Amino acid sequence: MAKLERTINADFDGLLRKIEDGILGGSVSASKEGSSFFRSGEAKCAVRVFERYSYMGGNRVSLTVTLFQENNSSPVYLSGITAGGSQAMFVKINTFGEEAFLKKLSEIID
């Protein structure tokens, strides 16, 4: 597992589109596996789960992205967490795919 957390001053919907387009357009094997959206008053929360094949690791890895915004004038809180990049049964080895997937997210939002 690798994790990235940021606070971003950006339009919530625009940032979500930028992330989806960047992840799906950044790898021929990337797919959106699931999504969720919640709203309570002015607060918004979006969850997206992406998956792609890692050539380095020889397996599929997932990336879960959560965006939260308290109101339209507050910053957007982002959490990105990867999983599934290890080939071992009991210990985590070879997490190159997870780290590369998270790096892609970091490039998109920076």
PDB file of N, CA and C in Angstrom:
ATOM      1  N   MET A   1       0.828  -1.169   0.000  1.00  0.00           N
ATOM      2  CA  MET A   1       0.000   0.000   0.000  1.00  0.00           C
ATOM      3  C   MET A   1       0.878   1.239   0.000  1.00  0.00           C
ATOM      4  N   ALA A   2       0.501   2.195  -0.812  1.00  0.00           N
ATOM      5  CA  ALA A   2       1.146   3.500  -0.830  1.00  0.00           C
ATOM      6  C   ALA A   2       0.034   4.535  -0.723  1.00  0.00           C
ATOM      7  N   LYS A   3       0.333   5.678  -0.111  1.00  0.00           N
ATOM      8  CA  LYS A   3      -0.711   6.671   0.134  1.00  0.00           C
ATOM      9  C   LYS A   3      -0.219   8.071  -0.192  1.00  0.00           C
ATOM     10  N   LEU A   4      -1.126   8.886  -0.739  1.00  0.00           N
ATOM     11  CA  LEU A   4      -0.868  10.285  -1.044  1.00  0.00           C
ATOM     12  C   LEU A   4      -2.039  11.094  -0.508  1.00  0.00           C
ATOM     13  N   GLU A   5      -1.748  12.125   0.275  1.00  0.00           N
ATOM     14  CA  GLU A   5      -2.803  13.005   0.777  1.00  0.00           C
ATOM     15  C   GLU A   5      -2.417  14.444   0.497  1.00  0.00           C
ATOM     16  N   ARG A   6      -3.375  15.228   0.020  1.00  0.00           N
ATOM     17  CA  ARG A   6      -3.124  16.629  -0.310  1.00  0.00           C
ATOM     18  C   ARG A   6      -4.353  17.467   0.016  1.00  0.00           C
ATOM     19  N   THR A   7      -4.123  18.733   0.258  1.00  0.00           N
ATOM     20  CA  THR A   7      -5.170  19.738   0.351  1.00  0.00           C
ATOM     21  C   THR A   7      -4.975  20.654  -0.851  1.00  0.00           C
ATOM     22  N   ILE A   8      -6.018  20.803  -1.669  1.00  0.00           N
ATOM     23  CA  ILE A   8      -5.889  21.490  -2.947  1.00  0.00           C
ATOM     24  C   ILE A   8      -6.949  22.578  -3.059  1.00  0.00           C
ATOM     25  N   ASN A   9      -6.535  23.767  -3.439  1.00  0.00           N
ATOM     26  CA  ASN A   9      -7.485  24.842  -3.730  1.00  0.00           C
ATOM     27  C   ASN A   9      -7.856  24.736  -5.202  1.00  0.00           C
ATOM     28  N   ALA A  10      -8.992  24.104  -5.458  1.00  0.00           N
ATOM     29  CA  ALA A  10      -9.424  23.871  -6.838  1.00  0.00           C
ATOM     30  C   ALA A  10     -10.926  23.656  -6.870  1.00  0.00           C
ATOM     31  N   ASP A  11     -11.491  23.756  -8.060  1.00  0.00           N
ATOM     32  CA  ASP A  11     -12.890  23.432  -8.269  1.00  0.00           C
ATOM     33  C   ASP A  11     -13.062  21.917  -8.114  1.00  0.00           C
ATOM     34  N   PHE A  12     -13.974  21.494  -7.253  1.00  0.00           N
ATOM     35  CA  PHE A  12     -14.175  20.075  -6.946  1.00  0.00           C
ATOM     36  C   PHE A  12     -14.467  19.267  -8.210  1.00  0.00           C
ATOM     37  N   ASP A  13     -15.480  19.688  -8.967  1.00  0.00           N
ATOM     38  CA  ASP A  13     -15.888  18.926 -10.152  1.00  0.00           C
ATOM     39  C   ASP A  13     -14.802  18.914 -11.221  1.00  0.00           C
ATOM     40  N   GLY A  14     -14.125  20.049 -11.402  1.00  0.00           N
ATOM     41  CA  GLY A  14     -13.044  20.117 -12.378  1.00  0.00           C
ATOM     42  C   GLY A  14     -11.881  19.223 -11.997  1.00  0.00           C
ATOM     43  N   LEU A  15     -11.552  19.191 -10.705  1.00  0.00           N
ATOM     44  CA  LEU A  15     -10.466  18.335 -10.227  1.00  0.00           C
ATOM     45  C   LEU A  15     -10.817  16.866 -10.406  1.00  0.00           C
ATOM     46  N   LEU A  16     -12.043  16.505 -10.105  1.00  0.00           N
ATOM     47  CA  LEU A  16     -12.480  15.118 -10.277  1.00  0.00           C
ATOM     48  C   LEU A  16     -12.378  14.691 -11.742  1.00  0.00           C
ATOM     49  N   ARG A  17     -12.830  15.551 -12.659  1.00  0.00           N
ATOM     50  CA  ARG A  17     -12.730  15.241 -14.103  1.00  0.00           C
ATOM     51  C   ARG A  17     -11.272  15.108 -14.539  1.00  0.00           C
ATOM     52  N   LYS A  18     -10.427  16.018 -14.032  1.00  0.00           N
ATOM     53  CA  LYS A  18      -9.001  15.992 -14.389  1.00  0.00           C
ATOM     54  C   LYS A  18      -8.358  14.676 -13.926  1.00  0.00           C
ATOM     55  N   ILE A  19      -8.698  14.232 -12.742  1.00  0.00           N
ATOM     56  CA  ILE A  19      -8.152  12.975 -12.216  1.00  0.00           C
ATOM     57  C   ILE A  19      -8.649  11.787 -13.043  1.00  0.00           C
ATOM     58  N   GLU A  20      -9.955  11.729 -13.278  1.00  0.00           N
ATOM     59  CA  GLU A  20     -10.504  10.616 -14.068  1.00  0.00           C
ATOM     60  C   GLU A  20      -9.889  10.568 -15.464  1.00  0.00           C
ATOM     61  N   ASP A  21      -9.854  11.695 -16.133  1.00  0.00           N
ATOM     62  CA  ASP A  21      -9.287  11.747 -17.490  1.00  0.00           C
ATOM     63  C   ASP A  21      -7.805  11.395 -17.489  1.00  0.00           C
ATOM     64  N   GLY A  22      -7.063  11.893 -16.501  1.00  0.00           N
ATOM     65  CA  GLY A  22      -5.631  11.641 -16.430  1.00  0.00           C
ATOM     66  C   GLY A  22      -5.296  10.188 -16.153  1.00  0.00           C
ATOM     67  N   ILE A  23      -6.032   9.575 -15.238  1.00  0.00           N
ATOM     68  CA  ILE A  23      -5.784   8.159 -14.911  1.00  0.00           C
ATOM     69  C   ILE A  23      -6.180   7.271 -16.089  1.00  0.00           C
ATOM     70  N   LEU A  24      -7.373   7.476 -16.622  1.00  0.00           N
ATOM     71  CA  LEU A  24      -7.854   6.614 -17.704  1.00  0.00           C
ATOM     72  C   LEU A  24      -7.082   6.836 -18.998  1.00  0.00           C
ATOM     73  N   GLY A  25      -6.609   8.051 -19.220  1.00  0.00           N
ATOM     74  CA  GLY A  25      -5.837   8.340 -20.421  1.00  0.00           C
ATOM     75  C   GLY A  25      -4.356   8.051 -20.273  1.00  0.00           C
ATOM     76  N   GLY A  26      -3.916   7.764 -19.053  1.00  0.00           N
ATOM     77  CA  GLY A  26      -2.498   7.566 -18.791  1.00  0.00           C
ATOM     78  C   GLY A  26      -1.998   6.146 -18.950  1.00  0.00           C
ATOM     79  N   SER A  27      -2.904   5.204 -19.144  1.00  0.00           N
ATOM     80  CA  SER A  27      -2.505   3.809 -19.296  1.00  0.00           C
ATOM     81  C   SER A  27      -3.547   3.092 -20.132  1.00  0.00           C
ATOM     82  N   VAL A  28      -3.069   2.299 -21.085  1.00  0.00           N
ATOM     83  CA  VAL A  28      -3.977   1.565 -21.965  1.00  0.00           C
ATOM     84  C   VAL A  28      -4.783   0.521 -21.181  1.00  0.00           C
ATOM     85  N   SER A  29      -4.255   0.060 -20.038  1.00  0.00           N
ATOM     86  CA  SER A  29      -4.951  -0.969 -19.267  1.00  0.00           C
ATOM     87  C   SER A  29      -5.762  -0.406 -18.103  1.00  0.00           C
ATOM     88  N   ALA A  30      -5.785   0.928 -17.938  1.00  0.00           N
ATOM     89  CA  ALA A  30      -6.507   1.534 -16.814  1.00  0.00           C
ATOM     90  C   ALA A  30      -8.012   1.482 -17.032  1.00  0.00           C
ATOM     91  N   SER A  31      -8.733   1.227 -15.948  1.00  0.00           N
ATOM     92  CA  SER A  31     -10.194   1.213 -16.000  1.00  0.00           C
ATOM     93  C   SER A  31     -10.746   1.775 -14.692  1.00  0.00           C
ATOM     94  N   LYS A  32     -11.953   2.311 -14.770  1.00  0.00           N
ATOM     95  CA  LYS A  32     -12.637   2.756 -13.560  1.00  0.00           C
ATOM     96  C   LYS A  32     -13.514   1.599 -13.107  1.00  0.00           C
ATOM     97  N   GLU A  33     -13.226   1.067 -11.934  1.00  0.00           N
ATOM     98  CA  GLU A  33     -13.914  -0.123 -11.445  1.00  0.00           C
ATOM     99  C   GLU A  33     -15.149   0.208 -10.616  1.00  0.00           C
ATOM    100  N   GLY A  34     -15.182   1.391 -10.041  1.00  0.00           N
ATOM    101  CA  GLY A  34     -16.337   1.760  -9.235  1.00  0.00           C
ATOM    102  C   GLY A  34     -16.283   3.227  -8.868  1.00  0.00           C
ATOM    103  N   SER A  35     -17.450   3.764  -8.512  1.00  0.00           N
ATOM    104  CA  SER A  35     -17.500   5.163  -8.106  1.00  0.00           C
ATOM    105  C   SER A  35     -18.651   5.375  -7.145  1.00  0.00           C
ATOM    106  N   SER A  36     -18.516   6.441  -6.355  1.00  0.00           N
ATOM    107  CA  SER A  36     -19.549   6.796  -5.401  1.00  0.00           C
ATOM    108  C   SER A  36     -19.503   8.299  -5.197  1.00  0.00           C
ATOM    109  N   PHE A  37     -20.653   8.905  -4.913  1.00  0.00           N
ATOM    110  CA  PHE A  37     -20.717  10.337  -4.667  1.00  0.00           C
ATOM    111  C   PHE A  37     -21.742  10.596  -3.573  1.00  0.00           C
ATOM    112  N   PHE A  38     -21.350  11.403  -2.586  1.00  0.00           N
ATOM    113  CA  PHE A  38     -22.241  11.767  -1.489  1.00  0.00           C
ATOM    114  C   PHE A  38     -22.299  13.281  -1.377  1.00  0.00           C
ATOM    115  N   ARG A  39     -23.460  13.786  -1.003  1.00  0.00           N
ATOM    116  CA  ARG A  39     -23.624  15.217  -0.741  1.00  0.00           C
ATOM    117  C   ARG A  39     -24.478  15.349   0.520  1.00  0.00           C
ATOM    118  N   SER A  40     -24.048  16.260   1.401  1.00  0.00           N
ATOM    119  CA  SER A  40     -24.814  16.582   2.600  1.00  0.00           C
ATOM    120  C   SER A  40     -24.712  18.085   2.798  1.00  0.00           C
ATOM    121  N   GLY A  41     -25.800  18.792   2.543  1.00  0.00           N
ATOM    122  CA  GLY A  41     -25.742  20.246   2.560  1.00  0.00           C
ATOM    123  C   GLY A  41     -24.796  20.712   1.465  1.00  0.00           C
ATOM    124  N   GLU A  42     -23.788  21.481   1.838  1.00  0.00           N
ATOM    125  CA  GLU A  42     -22.790  21.936   0.865  1.00  0.00           C
ATOM    126  C   GLU A  42     -21.605  20.982   0.756  1.00  0.00           C
ATOM    127  N   ALA A  43     -21.483  20.027   1.660  1.00  0.00           N
ATOM    128  CA  ALA A  43     -20.340  19.102   1.656  1.00  0.00           C
ATOM    129  C   ALA A  43     -20.494  18.079   0.538  1.00  0.00           C
ATOM    130  N   LYS A  44     -19.346  17.755  -0.102  1.00  0.00           N
ATOM    131  CA  LYS A  44     -19.319  16.774  -1.194  1.00  0.00           C
ATOM    132  C   LYS A  44     -18.197  15.777  -0.943  1.00  0.00           C
ATOM    133  N   CYS A  45     -18.448  14.526  -1.308  1.00  0.00           N
ATOM    134  CA  CYS A  45     -17.428  13.487  -1.210  1.00  0.00           C
ATOM    135  C   CYS A  45     -17.559  12.567  -2.417  1.00  0.00           C
ATOM    136  N   ALA A  46     -16.464  12.385  -3.136  1.00  0.00           N
ATOM    137  CA  ALA A  46     -16.451  11.487  -4.297  1.00  0.00           C
ATOM    138  C   ALA A  46     -15.375  10.432  -4.075  1.00  0.00           C
ATOM    139  N   VAL A  47     -15.713   9.191  -4.397  1.00  0.00           N
ATOM    140  CA  VAL A  47     -14.770   8.079  -4.301  1.00  0.00           C
ATOM    141  C   VAL A  47     -14.699   7.415  -5.669  1.00  0.00           C
ATOM    142  N   ARG A  48     -13.483   7.190  -6.142  1.00  0.00           N
ATOM    143  CA  ARG A  48     -13.267   6.512  -7.417  1.00  0.00           C
ATOM    144  C   ARG A  48     -12.253   5.394  -7.202  1.00  0.00           C
ATOM    145  N   VAL A  49     -12.521   4.245  -7.788  1.00  0.00           N
ATOM    146  CA  VAL A  49     -11.591   3.113  -7.718  1.00  0.00           C
ATOM    147  C   VAL A  49     -11.154   2.790  -9.145  1.00  0.00           C
ATOM    148  N   PHE A  50      -9.848   2.872  -9.361  1.00  0.00           N
ATOM    149  CA  PHE A  50      -9.254   2.586 -10.661  1.00  0.00           C
ATOM    150  C   PHE A  50      -8.394   1.335 -10.547  1.00  0.00           C
ATOM    151  N   GLU A  51      -8.176   0.697 -11.685  1.00  0.00           N
ATOM    152  CA  GLU A  51      -7.309  -0.476 -11.725  1.00  0.00           C
ATOM    153  C   GLU A  51      -6.505  -0.430 -13.013  1.00  0.00           C
ATOM    154  N   ARG A  52      -5.291  -0.964 -12.957  1.00  0.00           N
ATOM    155  CA  ARG A  52      -4.482  -1.072 -14.173  1.00  0.00           C
ATOM    156  C   ARG A  52      -3.491  -2.223 -14.009  1.00  0.00           C
ATOM    157  N   TYR A  53      -2.981  -2.664 -15.141  1.00  0.00           N
ATOM    158  CA  TYR A  53      -1.986  -3.722 -15.135  1.00  0.00           C
ATOM    159  C   TYR A  53      -0.606  -3.100 -14.942  1.00  0.00           C
ATOM    160  N   SER A  54       0.187  -3.701 -14.065  1.00  0.00           N
ATOM    161  CA  SER A  54       1.554  -3.253 -13.824  1.00  0.00           C
ATOM    162  C   SER A  54       2.506  -4.201 -14.540  1.00  0.00           C
ATOM    163  N   TYR A  55       3.153  -3.699 -15.590  1.00  0.00           N
ATOM    164  CA  TYR A  55       4.098  -4.532 -16.330  1.00  0.00           C
ATOM    165  C   TYR A  55       5.302  -4.895 -15.468  1.00  0.00           C
ATOM    166  N   MET A  56       5.760  -3.941 -14.639  1.00  0.00           N
ATOM    167  CA  MET A  56       6.913  -4.205 -13.764  1.00  0.00           C
ATOM    168  C   MET A  56       6.603  -5.314 -12.761  1.00  0.00           C
ATOM    169  N   GLY A  57       5.411  -5.247 -12.169  1.00  0.00           N
ATOM    170  CA  GLY A  57       5.047  -6.221 -11.150  1.00  0.00           C
ATOM    171  C   GLY A  57       4.402  -7.470 -11.704  1.00  0.00           C
ATOM    172  N   GLY A  58       3.917  -7.407 -12.937  1.00  0.00           N
ATOM    173  CA  GLY A  58       3.257  -8.564 -13.536  1.00  0.00           C
ATOM    174  C   GLY A  58       1.908  -8.864 -12.903  1.00  0.00           C
ATOM    175  N   ASN A  59       1.225  -7.820 -12.421  1.00  0.00           N
ATOM    176  CA  ASN A  59      -0.066  -8.015 -11.780  1.00  0.00           C
ATOM    177  C   ASN A  59      -0.913  -6.752 -11.944  1.00  0.00           C
ATOM    178  N   ARG A  60      -2.134  -6.803 -11.429  1.00  0.00           N
ATOM    179  CA  ARG A  60      -3.004  -5.629 -11.467  1.00  0.00           C
ATOM    180  C   ARG A  60      -2.924  -4.911 -10.126  1.00  0.00           C
ATOM    181  N   VAL A  61      -2.992  -3.583 -10.188  1.00  0.00           N
ATOM    182  CA  VAL A  61      -2.982  -2.770  -8.970  1.00  0.00           C
ATOM    183  C   VAL A  61      -4.203  -1.852  -8.989  1.00  0.00           C
ATOM    184  N   SER A  62      -4.665  -1.492  -7.809  1.00  0.00           N
ATOM    185  CA  SER A  62      -5.810  -0.591  -7.721  1.00  0.00           C
ATOM    186  C   SER A  62      -5.391   0.719  -7.069  1.00  0.00           C
ATOM    187  N   LEU A  63      -6.144   1.756  -7.400  1.00  0.00           N
ATOM    188  CA  LEU A  63      -5.954   3.086  -6.829  1.00  0.00           C
ATOM    189  C   LEU A  63      -7.327   3.602  -6.431  1.00  0.00           C
ATOM    190  N   THR A  64      -7.495   3.897  -5.155  1.00  0.00           N
ATOM    191  CA  THR A  64      -8.738   4.494  -4.668  1.00  0.00           C
ATOM    192  C   THR A  64      -8.475   5.960  -4.391  1.00  0.00           C
ATOM    193  N   VAL A  65      -9.278   6.821  -5.007  1.00  0.00           N
ATOM    194  CA  VAL A  65      -9.144   8.273  -4.833  1.00  0.00           C
ATOM    195  C   VAL A  65     -10.404   8.785  -4.154  1.00  0.00           C
ATOM    196  N   THR A  66     -10.220   9.516  -3.064  1.00  0.00           N
ATOM    197  CA  THR A  66     -11.330  10.140  -2.353  1.00  0.00           C
ATOM    198  C   THR A  66     -11.120  11.647  -2.343  1.00  0.00           C
ATOM    199  N   LEU A  67     -12.139  12.381  -2.753  1.00  0.00           N
ATOM    200  CA  LEU A  67     -12.133  13.837  -2.680  1.00  0.00           C
ATOM    201  C   LEU A  67     -13.229  14.264  -1.717  1.00  0.00           C
ATOM    202  N   PHE A  68     -12.923  15.247  -0.862  1.00  0.00           N
ATOM    203  CA  PHE A  68     -13.911  15.785   0.073  1.00  0.00           C
ATOM    204  C   PHE A  68     -13.802  17.299   0.106  1.00  0.00           C
ATOM    205  N   GLN A  69     -14.943  17.958   0.075  1.00  0.00           N
ATOM    206  CA  GLN A  69     -14.976  19.415   0.182  1.00  0.00           C
ATOM    207  C   GLN A  69     -16.141  19.803   1.091  1.00  0.00           C
ATOM    208  N   GLU A  70     -15.833  20.615   2.091  1.00  0.00           N
ATOM    209  CA  GLU A  70     -16.841  21.022   3.074  1.00  0.00           C
ATOM    210  C   GLU A  70     -17.883  21.969   2.479  1.00  0.00           C
ATOM    211  N   ASN A  71     -17.417  22.935   1.684  1.00  0.00           N
ATOM    212  CA  ASN A  71     -18.316  23.853   0.975  1.00  0.00           C
ATOM    213  C   ASN A  71     -17.572  24.395  -0.241  1.00  0.00           C
ATOM    214  N   ASN A  72     -18.266  25.136  -1.098  1.00  0.00           N
ATOM    215  CA  ASN A  72     -17.669  25.574  -2.367  1.00  0.00           C
ATOM    216  C   ASN A  72     -16.445  26.462  -2.210  1.00  0.00           C
ATOM    217  N   SER A  73     -16.304  27.132  -1.067  1.00  0.00           N
ATOM    218  CA  SER A  73     -15.148  28.020  -0.889  1.00  0.00           C
ATOM    219  C   SER A  73     -14.016  27.367  -0.090  1.00  0.00           C
ATOM    220  N   SER A  74     -14.224  26.160   0.389  1.00  0.00           N
ATOM    221  CA  SER A  74     -13.172  25.481   1.148  1.00  0.00           C
ATOM    222  C   SER A  74     -12.281  24.656   0.215  1.00  0.00           C
ATOM    223  N   PRO A  75     -11.075  24.297   0.680  1.00  0.00           N
ATOM    224  CA  PRO A  75     -10.199  23.468  -0.161  1.00  0.00           C
ATOM    225  C   PRO A  75     -10.759  22.060  -0.337  1.00  0.00           C
ATOM    226  N   VAL A  76     -10.218  21.377  -1.318  1.00  0.00           N
ATOM    227  CA  VAL A  76     -10.581  19.981  -1.570  1.00  0.00           C
ATOM    228  C   VAL A  76      -9.513  19.106  -0.909  1.00  0.00           C
ATOM    229  N   TYR A  77      -9.965  18.157  -0.119  1.00  0.00           N
ATOM    230  CA  TYR A  77      -9.056  17.204   0.511  1.00  0.00           C
ATOM    231  C   TYR A  77      -9.024  15.952  -0.350  1.00  0.00           C
ATOM    232  N   LEU A  78      -7.819  15.509  -0.700  1.00  0.00           N
ATOM    233  CA  LEU A  78      -7.630  14.355  -1.568  1.00  0.00           C
ATOM    234  C   LEU A  78      -6.865  13.271  -0.831  1.00  0.00           C
ATOM    235  N   SER A  79      -7.328  12.053  -0.970  1.00  0.00           N
ATOM    236  CA  SER A  79      -6.607  10.889  -0.470  1.00  0.00           C
ATOM    237  C   SER A  79      -6.537   9.880  -1.604  1.00  0.00           C
ATOM    238  N   GLY A  80      -5.332   9.415  -1.921  1.00  0.00           N
ATOM    239  CA  GLY A  80      -5.132   8.371  -2.923  1.00  0.00           C
ATOM    240  C   GLY A  80      -4.401   7.210  -2.277  1.00  0.00           C
ATOM    241  N   ILE A  81      -4.970   6.007  -2.373  1.00  0.00           N
ATOM    242  CA  ILE A  81      -4.380   4.822  -1.757  1.00  0.00           C
ATOM    243  C   ILE A  81      -4.336   3.703  -2.785  1.00  0.00           C
ATOM    244  N   THR A  82      -3.161   3.109  -2.942  1.00  0.00           N
ATOM    245  CA  THR A  82      -2.999   1.994  -3.874  1.00  0.00           C
ATOM    246  C   THR A  82      -2.956   0.675  -3.112  1.00  0.00           C
ATOM    247  N   ALA A  83      -3.273  -0.411  -3.821  1.00  0.00           N
ATOM    248  CA  ALA A  83      -3.236  -1.747  -3.221  1.00  0.00           C
ATOM    249  C   ALA A  83      -3.095  -2.780  -4.326  1.00  0.00           C
ATOM    250  N   GLY A  84      -2.662  -3.964  -3.936  1.00  0.00           N
ATOM    251  CA  GLY A  84      -2.641  -5.091  -4.843  1.00  0.00           C
ATOM    252  C   GLY A  84      -1.363  -5.287  -5.620  1.00  0.00           C
ATOM    253  N   GLY A  85      -0.321  -4.542  -5.304  1.00  0.00           N
ATOM    254  CA  GLY A  85       0.887  -4.610  -6.114  1.00  0.00           C
ATOM    255  C   GLY A  85       1.916  -5.624  -5.684  1.00  0.00           C
ATOM    256  N   SER A  86       1.614  -6.453  -4.705  1.00  0.00           N
ATOM    257  CA  SER A  86       2.609  -7.414  -4.231  1.00  0.00           C
ATOM    258  C   SER A  86       2.322  -8.804  -4.778  1.00  0.00           C
ATOM    259  N   GLN A  87       3.386  -9.557  -4.978  1.00  0.00           N
ATOM    260  CA  GLN A  87       3.225 -10.921  -5.476  1.00  0.00           C
ATOM    261  C   GLN A  87       3.396 -11.961  -4.382  1.00  0.00           C
ATOM    262  N   ALA A  88       3.864 -11.571  -3.220  1.00  0.00           N
ATOM    263  CA  ALA A  88       4.125 -12.532  -2.149  1.00  0.00           C
ATOM    264  C   ALA A  88       2.842 -12.853  -1.381  1.00  0.00           C
ATOM    265  N   MET A  89       2.853 -13.999  -0.701  1.00  0.00           N
ATOM    266  CA  MET A  89       1.669 -14.427   0.014  1.00  0.00           C
ATOM    267  C   MET A  89       1.560 -13.782   1.398  1.00  0.00           C
ATOM    268  N   PHE A  90       2.673 -13.639   2.117  1.00  0.00           N
ATOM    269  CA  PHE A  90       2.592 -13.180   3.500  1.00  0.00           C
ATOM    270  C   PHE A  90       3.311 -11.856   3.771  1.00  0.00           C
ATOM    271  N   VAL A  91       4.184 -11.429   2.884  1.00  0.00           N
ATOM    272  CA  VAL A  91       4.898 -10.161   3.070  1.00  0.00           C
ATOM    273  C   VAL A  91       4.761  -9.330   1.799  1.00  0.00           C
ATOM    274  N   LYS A  92       4.912  -8.036   1.931  1.00  0.00           N
ATOM    275  CA  LYS A  92       4.808  -7.137   0.772  1.00  0.00           C
ATOM    276  C   LYS A  92       6.163  -6.987   0.113  1.00  0.00           C
ATOM    277  N   ILE A  93       6.279  -7.485  -1.107  1.00  0.00           N
ATOM    278  CA  ILE A  93       7.479  -7.262  -1.904  1.00  0.00           C
ATOM    279  C   ILE A  93       7.037  -6.791  -3.283  1.00  0.00           C
ATOM    280  N   ASN A  94       7.932  -6.142  -3.994  1.00  0.00           N
ATOM    281  CA  ASN A  94       7.658  -5.710  -5.355  1.00  0.00           C
ATOM    282  C   ASN A  94       6.423  -4.810  -5.428  1.00  0.00           C
ATOM    283  N   THR A  95       6.525  -3.640  -4.836  1.00  0.00           N
ATOM    284  CA  THR A  95       5.410  -2.690  -4.864  1.00  0.00           C
ATOM    285  C   THR A  95       5.623  -1.599  -5.924  1.00  0.00           C
ATOM    286  N   PHE A  96       6.438  -1.893  -6.942  1.00  0.00           N
ATOM    287  CA  PHE A  96       6.718  -0.913  -7.993  1.00  0.00           C
ATOM    288  C   PHE A  96       5.441  -0.414  -8.665  1.00  0.00           C
ATOM    289  N   GLY A  97       4.518  -1.306  -8.936  1.00  0.00           N
ATOM    290  CA  GLY A  97       3.277  -0.933  -9.624  1.00  0.00           C
ATOM    291  C   GLY A  97       2.438   0.031  -8.815  1.00  0.00           C
ATOM    292  N   GLU A  98       2.349  -0.204  -7.510  1.00  0.00           N
ATOM    293  CA  GLU A  98       1.589   0.691  -6.632  1.00  0.00           C
ATOM    294  C   GLU A  98       2.211   2.076  -6.621  1.00  0.00           C
ATOM    295  N   GLU A  99       3.513   2.120  -6.472  1.00  0.00           N
ATOM    296  CA  GLU A  99       4.212   3.405  -6.407  1.00  0.00           C
ATOM    297  C   GLU A  99       4.089   4.168  -7.730  1.00  0.00           C
ATOM    298  N   ALA A 100       4.154   3.473  -8.849  1.00  0.00           N
ATOM    299  CA  ALA A 100       4.021   4.118 -10.157  1.00  0.00           C
ATOM    300  C   ALA A 100       2.612   4.663 -10.366  1.00  0.00           C
ATOM    301  N   PHE A 101       1.597   3.936  -9.907  1.00  0.00           N
ATOM    302  CA  PHE A 101       0.211   4.371 -10.034  1.00  0.00           C
ATOM    303  C   PHE A 101      -0.013   5.639  -9.206  1.00  0.00           C
ATOM    304  N   LEU A 102       0.530   5.659  -8.005  1.00  0.00           N
ATOM    305  CA  LEU A 102       0.400   6.828  -7.139  1.00  0.00           C
ATOM    306  C   LEU A 102       1.168   8.017  -7.703  1.00  0.00           C
ATOM    307  N   LYS A 103       2.308   7.739  -8.320  1.00  0.00           N
ATOM    308  CA  LYS A 103       3.096   8.820  -8.948  1.00  0.00           C
ATOM    309  C   LYS A 103       2.294   9.469 -10.075  1.00  0.00           C
ATOM    310  N   LYS A 104       1.554   8.667 -10.831  1.00  0.00           N
ATOM    311  CA  LYS A 104       0.707   9.196 -11.902  1.00  0.00           C
ATOM    312  C   LYS A 104      -0.333  10.153 -11.332  1.00  0.00           C
ATOM    313  N   LEU A 105      -0.961   9.784 -10.220  1.00  0.00           N
ATOM    314  CA  LEU A 105      -1.936  10.661  -9.571  1.00  0.00           C
ATOM    315  C   LEU A 105      -1.263  11.969  -9.145  1.00  0.00           C
ATOM    316  N   SER A 106      -0.089  11.864  -8.566  1.00  0.00           N
ATOM    317  CA  SER A 106       0.641  13.048  -8.117  1.00  0.00           C
ATOM    318  C   SER A 106       0.953  13.981  -9.292  1.00  0.00           C
ATOM    319  N   GLU A 107       1.340  13.419 -10.425  1.00  0.00           N
ATOM    320  CA  GLU A 107       1.627  14.229 -11.622  1.00  0.00           C
ATOM    321  C   GLU A 107       0.371  14.938 -12.124  1.00  0.00           C
ATOM    322  N   ILE A 108      -0.769  14.284 -12.036  1.00  0.00           N
ATOM    323  CA  ILE A 108      -2.011  14.866 -12.519  1.00  0.00           C
ATOM    324  C   ILE A 108      -2.424  16.060 -11.663  1.00  0.00           C
ATOM    325  N   ILE A 109      -2.272  15.963 -10.369  1.00  0.00           N
ATOM    326  CA  ILE A 109      -2.757  17.040  -9.497  1.00  0.00           C
ATOM    327  C   ILE A 109      -1.736  18.141  -9.279  1.00  0.00           C
ATOM    328  N   ASP A 110      -0.475  17.899  -9.592  1.00  0.00           N
ATOM    329  CA  ASP A 110       0.560  18.933  -9.392  1.00  0.00           C
ATOM    330  C   ASP A 110       0.620  19.910 -10.545  1.00  0.00           C
TER     331      ASP A 110
END
